[in-house]
Amino acid sequence: MDSIENIETWYGELRTQKGNTIIIRDDQLPAARTGRMYLYNVERGAVIEYDETIVGPKIFELSKAEQEAAEADYGQSWQAARVLFMHAHGKGPAPEPPPEPVVENINPDDDAILEAE
């Protein structure tokens, strides 16, 4: 765990009895409560608050090739989750709203629901 202390964004693997998952640690996220840490869990697609004493010994560094693959596979979803997390904690701009859906003009004569009225 000491090797990730001075790096802004770090990709690793959380190994548990339930299975292994890629996690991302970002030092630019707001600080968690004492004894806790925020990690992006790719399986959940969200930033999760973990107990450092429990997960610390279960976090392992990825090889360079594994890290590059993780960045390619999860980089976009991580950045989207990061924006939402930062906004929720008052640390960033609001995420862009989704585009308005395109709805065709409705002709009342063609709509069975409108004809019933």
Protein backbone atom coordinates (compact mmCIF):
# COMPACT_ATOMS: atom_id res chain seq x y z
CA MET A 1 0.00 0.00 0.00
CA ASP A 2 2.93 2.36 0.61
CA SER A 3 3.74 2.43 -3.10
CA ILE A 4 0.48 4.23 -3.93
CA GLU A 5 0.80 7.03 -1.39
CA ASN A 6 2.54 9.55 -3.69
CA ILE A 7 0.76 8.83 -6.98
CA GLU A 8 -2.32 10.81 -8.07
CA THR A 9 -4.19 8.00 -9.85
CA TRP A 10 -3.33 4.39 -9.12
CA TYR A 11 -4.77 1.20 -10.61
CA GLY A 12 -4.74 -1.93 -8.50
CA GLU A 13 -6.58 -5.10 -7.67
CA LEU A 14 -8.64 -5.78 -4.58
CA ARG A 15 -8.38 -9.49 -3.76
CA THR A 16 -11.10 -10.93 -1.54
CA GLN A 17 -12.72 -14.31 -0.93
CA LYS A 18 -15.59 -13.25 -3.17
CA GLY A 19 -13.20 -12.59 -6.05
CA ASN A 20 -10.81 -10.02 -7.42
CA THR A 21 -11.74 -6.65 -8.85
CA ILE A 22 -9.88 -3.74 -10.34
CA ILE A 23 -9.90 -0.62 -8.19
CA ILE A 24 -8.69 2.91 -8.84
CA ARG A 25 -7.40 5.28 -6.20
CA ASP A 26 -7.28 9.01 -6.91
CA ASP A 27 -5.62 11.38 -4.47
CA GLN A 28 -7.62 14.28 -5.90
CA LEU A 29 -10.86 12.89 -4.49
CA PRO A 30 -12.04 14.50 -1.24
CA ALA A 31 -10.55 12.93 1.87
CA ALA A 32 -12.58 10.16 3.44
CA ARG A 33 -13.24 9.94 7.16
CA THR A 34 -10.33 8.89 9.36
CA GLY A 35 -9.48 5.23 8.80
CA ARG A 36 -11.45 5.12 5.55
CA MET A 37 -10.53 5.50 1.88
CA TYR A 38 -12.36 6.09 -1.37
CA LEU A 39 -11.69 3.68 -4.21
CA TYR A 40 -13.40 3.34 -7.57
CA ASN A 41 -14.63 -0.24 -7.89
CA VAL A 42 -14.98 -1.20 -11.56
CA GLU A 43 -17.42 -4.03 -10.79
CA ARG A 44 -19.81 -1.60 -9.09
CA GLY A 45 -19.03 1.31 -11.41
CA ALA A 46 -18.85 3.67 -8.45
CA VAL A 47 -16.57 5.26 -5.89
CA ILE A 48 -16.94 3.26 -2.68
CA GLU A 49 -15.80 4.14 0.84
CA TYR A 50 -13.71 1.32 2.33
CA ASP A 51 -12.17 0.63 5.74
CA GLU A 52 -8.40 1.00 5.29
CA THR A 53 -7.55 -1.65 7.87
CA ILE A 54 -9.65 -4.24 6.05
CA VAL A 55 -8.85 -3.53 2.41
CA GLY A 56 -5.31 -2.17 2.77
CA PRO A 57 -3.65 -5.59 2.97
CA LYS A 58 -5.85 -6.89 0.14
CA ILE A 59 -4.83 -4.29 -2.46
CA PHE A 60 -2.14 -5.25 -4.95
CA GLU A 61 -0.44 -3.29 -7.69
CA LEU A 62 -1.15 -4.21 -11.30
CA SER A 63 1.65 -4.92 -13.73
CA LYS A 64 2.31 -2.24 -16.35
CA ALA A 65 0.45 -4.27 -19.01
CA GLU A 66 -2.50 -4.91 -16.67
CA GLN A 67 -2.65 -1.22 -15.78
CA GLU A 68 -2.68 -0.19 -19.44
CA ALA A 69 -5.48 -2.68 -20.11
CA ALA A 70 -7.45 -1.42 -17.09
CA GLU A 71 -7.04 2.20 -18.21
CA ALA A 72 -8.31 1.30 -21.69
CA ASP A 73 -11.24 -0.76 -20.35
CA TYR A 74 -12.35 1.40 -17.44
CA GLY A 75 -10.89 4.88 -18.03
CA GLN A 76 -14.07 6.43 -19.43
CA SER A 77 -16.41 4.96 -16.82
CA TRP A 78 -13.95 5.99 -14.09
CA GLN A 79 -13.86 9.59 -15.34
CA ALA A 80 -17.66 9.76 -15.50
CA ALA A 81 -17.99 8.37 -11.96
CA ARG A 82 -15.28 10.75 -10.76
CA VAL A 83 -17.18 13.79 -12.11
CA LEU A 84 -20.39 12.66 -10.40
CA PHE A 85 -18.58 11.91 -7.13
CA MET A 86 -16.78 15.26 -7.10
CA HIS A 87 -20.03 17.11 -7.83
CA ALA A 88 -21.84 15.21 -5.08
CA HIS A 89 -19.12 16.31 -2.64
CA GLY A 90 -19.20 19.95 -3.79
CA LYS A 91 -15.79 19.73 -5.44
CA GLY A 92 -16.55 20.15 -9.10
CA PRO A 93 -18.90 21.53 -11.70
CA ALA A 94 -22.23 19.89 -12.29
CA PRO A 95 -22.08 17.11 -14.85
CA GLU A 96 -23.51 17.90 -18.25
CA PRO A 97 -27.20 17.04 -18.40
CA PRO A 98 -28.15 14.29 -20.85
CA PRO A 99 -29.38 15.49 -24.23
CA GLU A 100 -33.10 16.09 -24.64
CA PRO A 101 -34.82 13.17 -26.36
CA VAL A 102 -35.97 13.77 -29.91
CA VAL A 103 -39.74 13.37 -30.11
CA GLU A 104 -41.57 13.47 -33.37
CA ASN A 105 -44.61 15.68 -33.76
CA ILE A 106 -47.75 13.75 -32.86
CA ASN A 107 -50.72 13.95 -35.13
CA PRO A 108 -53.82 13.60 -32.90
CA ASP A 109 -55.62 11.81 -35.73
CA ASP A 110 -53.00 9.02 -35.69
CA ASP A 111 -52.92 8.48 -31.92
CA ALA A 112 -55.43 5.96 -30.58
CA ILE A 113 -55.15 7.32 -27.02
CA LEU A 114 -56.03 10.84 -28.13
CA GLU A 115 -58.96 9.56 -30.21
CA ALA A 116 -60.58 8.07 -27.08
CA GLU A 117 -60.99 11.50 -25.49
